Amino acid sequence: MKATLIFLLLAQVSWAGPFQQRGLFDFMLEDEASGIGPEERVPEFGEMEPLGPVCPFRCQCHLRVVQCSDLGLDKVPSDLPPDTTLLDLQNNKITEIKNDDFKNLKDLHALILVNNKISKISPGAFTPLVKLERLYLSKNQLKELPEKMPKSLQELRVHENEITKVRKAVFNGLNEMIVIELGTNPLKSSGIENGAFQGMKKLSYIRIADTNITSIPQGLPPSLTELHLDNNKITKVDAASLKGLNNLAKLGLSFNSISSVENGSLANTPHLRELHLNNNKLLRVPGGLAEHKYIQVVYLHNNNISAVGANDFCPPGYNTKKASYSGVSLFSNPVQYWEIQPSTFRCVYVRSAIQLGNFK
């Protein structure tokens, strides 16, 4: 019986023959012999399907994200996959954006062009981007805002450029816009057209810091919840400049030259929660803080305030505010802390919220 089994095994081995490695051309010859061309050949089980759009040279592509940053590019690659949703071109040497650069990118949602040398954008360059939501153009050499931006745009960041004018026509029709960043541009108050941002009904955040503006821009939309105007040359705050900002929750005016806040100004921002007025030239605490129901943070350090009244922060008597202060800074002012009445902060429940000097 054992002899019979051994004979059968040896017979199978002799029929199978030795393994032979076959080259690429052997498979191609088999296809030719079968009469099936490369375009007609049906993929076998486990075989890779043909690849989609080719990734631009030296870029990295994954899940419709195309990353071409830090490559020294002097122009936008011409072979971008049409299904791209995020395109990263930051930290290159691109000088111009042309009309056809993004002509096939109808699904693009985010475009990052930060830190290039862009000084010119053709008027129709962004027109094909019908789904674009985020456009980052910071740290370039733009002298004006791009025209004909997609109506789908929600976030625009163009800080650290050379922009001197903000025209109302640029933002017409951008009804989905939520965030605008214009800081660190050589802007002057005269360069911001009255009502330039008025048409954007969803705009909630504007930052125009580190510029040369001398007043709060006029005609800001009532939808604003945050307005950051730090490190400018603003000299005063009047009622007209804050009119209609019923939803404003945070107002940043630090590092300006503000010497006065006109009485009644803060009444135009009934939902204000944070007020940053540190590093200015204020002579007294802004009026109207005691009447505010929601304000919780007031930064007044590094000013010229020489006296603090008993009713400057809290309403008369011991009726508490709806929201207690969580931060009030008065250090680096000429007022002496021992001259402030103990009842001045009667509506503050946490002692550490009041900063009158350095803690030791």
Protein backbone atom coordinates (compact mmCIF):
# COMPACT_ATOMS: atom_id res chain seq x y z
CA MET A 1 0.00 0.00 0.00
CA LYS A 2 2.79 2.45 0.93
CA ALA A 3 4.61 1.71 -2.32
CA THR A 4 1.47 2.55 -4.30
CA LEU A 5 1.08 5.98 -2.56
CA ILE A 6 4.71 6.91 -3.16
CA PHE A 7 4.35 6.04 -6.84
CA LEU A 8 1.27 8.27 -7.23
CA LEU A 9 3.00 11.27 -5.54
CA LEU A 10 6.05 10.96 -7.77
CA ALA A 11 3.79 10.82 -10.82
CA GLN A 12 2.04 14.10 -9.79
CA VAL A 13 5.35 15.89 -9.29
CA SER A 14 6.54 14.82 -12.72
CA TRP A 15 3.32 16.09 -14.33
CA ALA A 16 3.44 19.53 -12.57
CA GLY A 17 6.95 20.44 -13.79
CA PRO A 18 9.27 23.04 -12.19
CA PHE A 19 8.10 26.68 -11.46
CA GLN A 20 9.26 29.23 -14.04
CA GLN A 21 9.27 33.04 -13.53
CA ARG A 22 7.48 34.81 -16.40
CA GLY A 23 8.18 38.38 -17.44
CA LEU A 24 5.87 41.28 -18.29
CA PHE A 25 6.15 40.67 -22.03
CA ASP A 26 5.02 37.05 -21.58
CA PHE A 27 1.65 38.28 -20.23
CA MET A 28 1.38 40.81 -23.06
CA LEU A 29 1.97 38.04 -25.62
CA GLU A 30 -0.77 35.98 -24.00
CA ASP A 31 -3.18 38.90 -24.38
CA GLU A 32 -2.23 39.30 -28.04
CA ALA A 33 -2.72 35.60 -28.63
CA SER A 34 -6.17 35.73 -27.09
CA GLY A 35 -7.19 38.64 -29.33
CA ILE A 36 -8.03 40.95 -26.36
CA GLY A 37 -6.56 44.44 -26.57
CA PRO A 38 -5.40 46.41 -23.49
CA GLU A 39 -8.53 48.56 -23.54
CA GLU A 40 -10.85 45.53 -23.86
CA ARG A 41 -9.24 43.26 -21.30
CA VAL A 42 -11.55 42.42 -18.37
CA PRO A 43 -9.76 42.77 -14.98
CA GLU A 44 -9.46 39.50 -13.10
CA PHE A 45 -10.33 39.08 -9.45
CA GLY A 46 -7.95 41.05 -7.21
CA GLU A 47 -6.53 43.05 -10.12
CA MET A 48 -6.17 46.86 -9.72
CA GLU A 49 -8.60 49.10 -11.59
CA PRO A 50 -7.13 51.91 -13.73
CA LEU A 51 -6.04 54.94 -11.69
CA GLY A 52 -7.93 58.26 -11.74
CA PRO A 53 -6.50 61.70 -12.53
CA VAL A 54 -2.73 61.93 -12.24
CA CYS A 55 -1.31 63.94 -9.33
CA PRO A 56 0.77 66.98 -10.39
CA PHE A 57 4.51 66.39 -10.39
CA ARG A 58 6.07 66.63 -6.89
CA CYS A 59 2.67 67.26 -5.27
CA GLN A 60 0.93 64.84 -2.92
CA CYS A 61 -2.67 63.77 -3.54
CA HIS A 62 -4.92 61.86 -1.18
CA LEU A 63 -8.71 61.70 -0.85
CA ARG A 64 -9.28 64.68 -3.18
CA VAL A 65 -6.74 66.79 -1.23
CA VAL A 66 -3.88 68.13 -3.35
CA GLN A 67 -0.87 69.42 -1.44
CA CYS A 68 1.68 71.40 -3.47
CA SER A 69 3.18 73.54 -0.70
CA ASP A 70 6.87 74.38 -0.23
CA LEU A 71 7.89 73.35 -3.75
CA GLY A 72 9.21 76.66 -5.11
CA LEU A 73 6.44 76.82 -7.74
CA ASP A 74 6.22 80.04 -9.75
CA LYS A 75 2.76 79.29 -11.15
CA VAL A 76 -0.29 77.14 -10.47
CA PRO A 77 0.17 73.55 -11.77
CA SER A 78 -1.78 72.92 -14.99
CA ASP A 79 -2.70 69.28 -14.39
CA LEU A 80 -4.79 69.52 -11.21
CA PRO A 81 -7.29 66.66 -10.70
CA PRO A 82 -10.81 67.97 -11.43
CA ASP A 83 -12.30 66.29 -8.33
CA THR A 84 -10.01 68.25 -5.93
CA THR A 85 -11.80 69.67 -2.88
CA LEU A 86 -8.79 71.19 -1.07
CA LEU A 87 -5.80 72.70 -2.86
CA ASP A 88 -2.75 73.76 -0.82
CA LEU A 89 -0.30 76.01 -2.68
CA GLN A 90 1.18 77.91 0.25
CA ASN A 91 4.85 78.78 0.69
CA ASN A 92 5.71 78.96 -3.02
CA LYS A 93 6.80 81.72 -5.41
CA ILE A 94 3.60 82.20 -7.40
CA THR A 95 3.32 85.78 -8.68
CA GLU A 96 0.04 85.77 -10.63
CA ILE A 97 -3.30 83.96 -10.66
CA LYS A 98 -4.67 83.66 -14.19
CA ASN A 99 -8.19 83.11 -15.49
CA ASP A 100 -7.65 79.46 -16.48
CA ASP A 101 -5.66 78.34 -13.44
CA PHE A 102 -8.68 76.75 -11.74
CA LYS A 103 -11.02 76.28 -14.70
CA ASN A 104 -11.79 72.59 -14.01
CA LEU A 105 -12.05 72.70 -10.21
CA LYS A 106 -15.82 72.92 -9.80
CA ASP A 107 -15.75 70.88 -6.58
CA LEU A 108 -13.04 72.91 -4.81
CA HIS A 109 -14.02 73.94 -1.29
CA ALA A 110 -10.77 75.40 0.08
CA LEU A 111 -7.91 77.20 -1.67
CA ILE A 112 -4.72 78.03 0.25
CA LEU A 113 -2.35 80.53 -1.39
CA VAL A 114 -0.68 81.88 1.75
CA ASN A 115 2.91 83.16 1.63
CA ASN A 116 3.51 83.51 -2.10
CA LYS A 117 4.40 86.59 -4.15
CA ILE A 118 1.00 87.16 -5.73
CA SER A 119 0.51 90.74 -6.89
CA LYS A 120 -2.08 90.16 -9.62
CA ILE A 121 -5.30 88.15 -9.79
CA SER A 122 -7.22 88.17 -13.07
CA PRO A 123 -10.87 89.27 -12.64
CA GLY A 124 -12.31 85.88 -13.61
CA ALA A 125 -9.74 83.65 -11.92
CA PHE A 126 -12.11 82.45 -9.18
CA THR A 127 -15.31 82.38 -11.26
CA PRO A 128 -15.17 78.59 -12.00
CA LEU A 129 -14.96 77.80 -8.27
CA VAL A 130 -18.70 77.61 -7.71
CA LYS A 131 -18.36 75.64 -4.43
CA LEU A 132 -15.44 77.53 -2.89
CA GLU A 133 -15.97 78.27 0.82
CA ARG A 134 -12.51 79.22 2.11
CA LEU A 135 -10.00 81.45 0.34
CA TYR A 136 -6.66 82.15 2.06
CA LEU A 137 -4.51 84.84 0.40
CA SER A 138 -2.53 86.10 3.39
CA LYS A 139 1.14 87.10 3.15
CA ASN A 140 1.23 88.13 -0.49
CA GLN A 141 1.68 91.41 -2.39
CA LEU A 142 -1.91 92.22 -3.31
CA LYS A 143 -2.79 95.90 -3.59
CA GLU A 144 -6.54 95.30 -3.89
CA LEU A 145 -9.07 92.61 -3.08
CA PRO A 146 -9.84 90.06 -5.82
CA GLU A 147 -12.91 90.69 -7.98
CA LYS A 148 -15.75 88.29 -8.78
CA MET A 149 -15.25 86.05 -5.79
CA PRO A 150 -17.58 83.00 -5.67
CA LYS A 151 -20.97 83.62 -4.06
CA SER A 152 -20.44 80.44 -2.02
CA LEU A 153 -17.47 81.99 -0.15
CA GLN A 154 -17.70 81.87 3.64
CA GLU A 155 -14.19 82.79 4.80
CA LEU A 156 -11.71 85.27 3.31
CA ARG A 157 -8.27 85.90 4.82
CA VAL A 158 -6.03 88.49 3.18
CA HIS A 159 -3.96 89.87 6.04
CA GLU A 160 -0.33 90.93 5.51
CA ASN A 161 -0.74 92.27 1.98
CA GLU A 162 -0.52 95.79 0.52
CA ILE A 163 -4.26 96.51 0.30
CA THR A 164 -5.21 100.19 0.60
CA LYS A 165 -8.87 100.11 -0.46
CA VAL A 166 -11.95 98.12 0.50
CA ARG A 167 -14.81 98.75 -1.92
CA LYS A 168 -18.44 97.81 -1.39
CA ALA A 169 -18.69 96.41 -4.92
CA VAL A 170 -16.14 93.67 -4.10
CA PHE A 171 -18.45 92.11 -1.50
CA ASN A 172 -21.75 92.50 -3.38
CA GLY A 173 -23.60 89.20 -3.54
CA LEU A 174 -21.41 87.39 -1.01
CA ASN A 175 -24.36 86.48 1.18
CA GLU A 176 -22.70 83.38 2.67
CA MET A 177 -19.64 85.21 4.02
CA ILE A 178 -18.97 84.65 7.73
CA VAL A 179 -15.31 85.60 8.36
CA ILE A 180 -13.16 88.41 6.93
CA GLU A 181 -9.52 88.95 7.95
CA LEU A 182 -7.92 92.19 6.67
CA GLY A 183 -5.26 92.85 9.30
CA THR A 184 -1.73 94.12 8.67
CA ASN A 185 -2.51 96.08 5.51
CA PRO A 186 -1.69 99.79 4.91
CA LEU A 187 -5.40 100.64 5.16
CA LYS A 188 -6.65 104.08 6.17
CA SER A 189 -10.17 105.00 7.25
CA SER A 190 -10.65 106.83 3.96
CA GLY A 191 -9.79 103.63 2.12
CA ILE A 192 -12.75 101.69 3.59
CA GLU A 193 -15.91 102.62 1.73
CA ASN A 194 -18.88 103.43 3.97
CA GLY A 195 -21.04 100.29 4.19
CA ALA A 196 -18.44 98.11 2.49
CA PHE A 197 -19.52 95.11 4.59
CA GLN A 198 -23.19 95.98 4.95
CA GLY A 199 -24.60 93.59 2.34
CA MET A 200 -23.28 90.41 3.96
CA LYS A 201 -26.16 89.22 6.14
CA LYS A 202 -24.28 86.32 7.78
CA LEU A 203 -21.00 88.08 8.50
CA SER A 204 -20.10 87.48 12.15
CA TYR A 205 -16.33 88.09 12.39
CA ILE A 206 -14.20 90.97 11.10
CA ARG A 207 -10.58 91.64 11.97
CA ILE A 208 -8.89 94.84 10.76
CA ALA A 209 -5.93 95.03 13.13
CA ASP A 210 -2.45 96.52 12.65
CA THR A 211 -3.52 99.12 10.07
CA ASN A 212 -3.69 102.93 9.89
CA ILE A 213 -7.42 103.42 10.41
CA THR A 214 -8.35 106.25 12.79
CA SER A 215 -12.02 105.38 13.40
CA ILE A 216 -14.37 102.41 13.57
CA PRO A 217 -15.62 101.58 10.05
CA GLN A 218 -19.14 102.82 9.35
CA GLY A 219 -22.08 100.70 8.22
CA LEU A 220 -21.06 97.40 9.78
CA PRO A 221 -23.68 94.62 9.46
CA PRO A 222 -25.89 93.89 12.50
CA SER A 223 -24.98 90.19 12.23
CA LEU A 224 -21.48 90.84 13.66
CA THR A 225 -20.60 88.98 16.84
CA GLU A 226 -16.86 89.78 16.90
CA LEU A 227 -15.09 92.97 15.81
CA HIS A 228 -11.31 93.15 16.22
CA LEU A 229 -9.69 96.55 15.60
CA ASP A 230 -6.61 96.24 17.78
CA ASN A 231 -3.35 98.09 17.18
CA ASN A 232 -4.68 100.90 14.99
CA LYS A 233 -4.86 104.69 15.37
CA ILE A 234 -8.44 105.04 16.57
CA THR A 235 -8.84 108.08 18.85
CA LYS A 236 -12.42 107.80 20.16
CA VAL A 237 -15.53 105.64 20.33
CA ASP A 238 -18.84 107.39 19.69
CA ALA A 239 -22.42 106.16 19.59
CA ALA A 240 -22.65 106.35 15.80
CA SER A 241 -19.71 103.99 15.31
CA LEU A 242 -21.44 101.16 17.20
CA LYS A 243 -24.98 101.84 16.04
CA GLY A 244 -26.95 98.77 15.05
CA LEU A 245 -24.48 96.20 16.40
CA ASN A 246 -27.10 94.45 18.50
CA ASN A 247 -25.45 91.02 18.28
CA LEU A 248 -21.87 92.08 18.99
CA ALA A 249 -20.39 89.93 21.77
CA LYS A 250 -16.68 90.81 21.56
CA LEU A 251 -15.12 94.18 20.77
CA GLY A 252 -11.34 94.47 20.54
CA LEU A 253 -9.90 98.00 20.62
CA SER A 254 -6.59 97.40 22.41
CA PHE A 255 -3.44 99.31 21.48
CA ASN A 256 -5.07 102.38 19.94
CA SER A 257 -5.07 106.04 20.98
CA ILE A 258 -8.59 106.17 22.41
CA SER A 259 -9.02 108.91 25.00
CA SER A 260 -12.80 108.76 25.41
CA VAL A 261 -15.82 106.49 25.00
CA GLU A 262 -18.87 108.66 24.40
CA ASN A 263 -21.78 108.21 26.82
CA GLY A 264 -24.42 105.95 25.34
CA SER A 265 -22.03 104.19 22.96
CA LEU A 266 -22.12 100.86 24.76
CA ALA A 267 -25.93 100.92 24.82
CA ASN A 268 -25.79 100.14 21.10
CA THR A 269 -24.17 96.78 21.90
CA PRO A 270 -26.65 95.27 24.39
CA HIS A 271 -25.25 91.73 24.09
CA LEU A 272 -21.59 92.66 24.53
CA ARG A 273 -19.66 90.18 26.68
CA GLU A 274 -16.04 91.24 26.20
CA LEU A 275 -14.61 94.75 25.87
CA HIS A 276 -10.88 95.16 25.28
CA LEU A 277 -9.71 98.76 25.76
CA ASN A 278 -6.30 98.16 27.30
CA ASN A 279 -3.25 100.12 26.15
CA ASN A 280 -5.08 103.30 25.20
CA LYS A 281 -5.33 106.85 26.62
CA LEU A 282 -8.56 106.63 28.58
CA LEU A 283 -8.98 109.07 31.44
CA ARG A 284 -11.93 107.30 33.07
CA VAL A 285 -13.93 104.08 33.02
CA PRO A 286 -16.31 104.00 30.02
CA GLY A 287 -19.87 104.90 30.94
CA GLY A 288 -22.68 102.37 30.68
CA LEU A 289 -20.95 99.27 32.04
CA ALA A 290 -23.21 99.14 35.09
CA GLU A 291 -26.33 98.89 32.91
CA HIS A 292 -25.02 96.01 30.82
CA LYS A 293 -26.66 92.67 31.62
CA TYR A 294 -24.19 90.41 29.78
CA ILE A 295 -20.75 92.01 29.91
CA GLN A 296 -18.27 89.84 31.79
CA VAL A 297 -14.77 90.88 30.67
CA VAL A 298 -13.47 94.47 30.64
CA TYR A 299 -9.77 95.11 30.02
CA LEU A 300 -8.72 98.65 30.95
CA HIS A 301 -5.08 98.19 31.96
CA ASN A 302 -2.35 100.51 30.69
CA ASN A 303 -4.49 103.64 30.42
CA ASN A 304 -4.58 107.01 32.24
CA ILE A 305 -7.51 106.29 34.54
CA SER A 306 -6.96 108.18 37.80
CA ALA A 307 -10.25 107.44 39.60
CA VAL A 308 -12.86 104.68 39.75
CA GLY A 309 -16.40 105.50 40.90
CA ALA A 310 -18.54 103.29 43.11
CA ASN A 311 -21.10 102.77 40.32
CA ASP A 312 -18.74 102.48 37.33
CA PHE A 313 -19.07 98.70 37.05
CA CYS A 314 -22.14 97.66 39.03
CA PRO A 315 -25.70 99.04 39.21
CA PRO A 316 -26.66 101.21 42.23
CA GLY A 317 -27.41 99.38 45.43
CA TYR A 318 -26.74 95.70 45.71
CA ASN A 319 -28.86 94.49 42.82
CA THR A 320 -26.65 92.00 41.07
CA LYS A 321 -26.02 91.92 37.35
CA LYS A 322 -27.45 89.06 35.31
CA ALA A 323 -23.90 88.01 34.42
CA SER A 324 -21.09 88.40 36.91
CA TYR A 325 -17.72 89.79 35.81
CA SER A 326 -15.09 87.12 35.20
CA GLY A 327 -12.27 89.55 34.35
CA VAL A 328 -11.71 93.26 35.09
CA SER A 329 -8.18 94.65 34.68
CA LEU A 330 -7.19 98.07 35.99
CA PHE A 331 -3.47 97.66 36.64
CA SER A 332 -0.92 100.09 35.19
CA ASN A 333 -3.26 103.05 35.70
CA PRO A 334 -2.56 106.05 37.97
CA VAL A 335 -5.53 105.13 40.21
CA GLN A 336 -4.48 103.92 43.66
CA TYR A 337 -6.17 100.69 44.60
CA TRP A 338 -6.74 101.82 48.22
CA GLU A 339 -8.79 104.74 46.92
CA ILE A 340 -11.33 102.42 45.27
CA GLN A 341 -14.43 101.86 47.45
CA PRO A 342 -14.93 98.22 48.57
CA SER A 343 -18.49 98.28 47.20
CA THR A 344 -17.31 99.14 43.67
CA PHE A 345 -17.17 95.47 42.72
CA ARG A 346 -20.22 94.31 44.67
CA CYS A 347 -21.55 92.44 41.62
CA VAL A 348 -18.37 90.36 41.26
CA TYR A 349 -18.51 86.96 42.95
CA VAL A 350 -14.94 85.78 42.34
CA ARG A 351 -12.19 87.85 43.93
CA SER A 352 -9.55 86.78 41.40
CA ALA A 353 -11.58 88.36 38.60
CA ILE A 354 -10.38 91.84 39.62
CA GLN A 355 -6.82 92.77 38.69
CA LEU A 356 -5.59 95.98 40.28
CA GLY A 357 -1.90 95.18 40.28
CA ASN A 358 0.59 92.36 40.02
CA PHE A 359 -0.19 89.43 42.29
CA LYS A 360 2.58 88.59 44.72
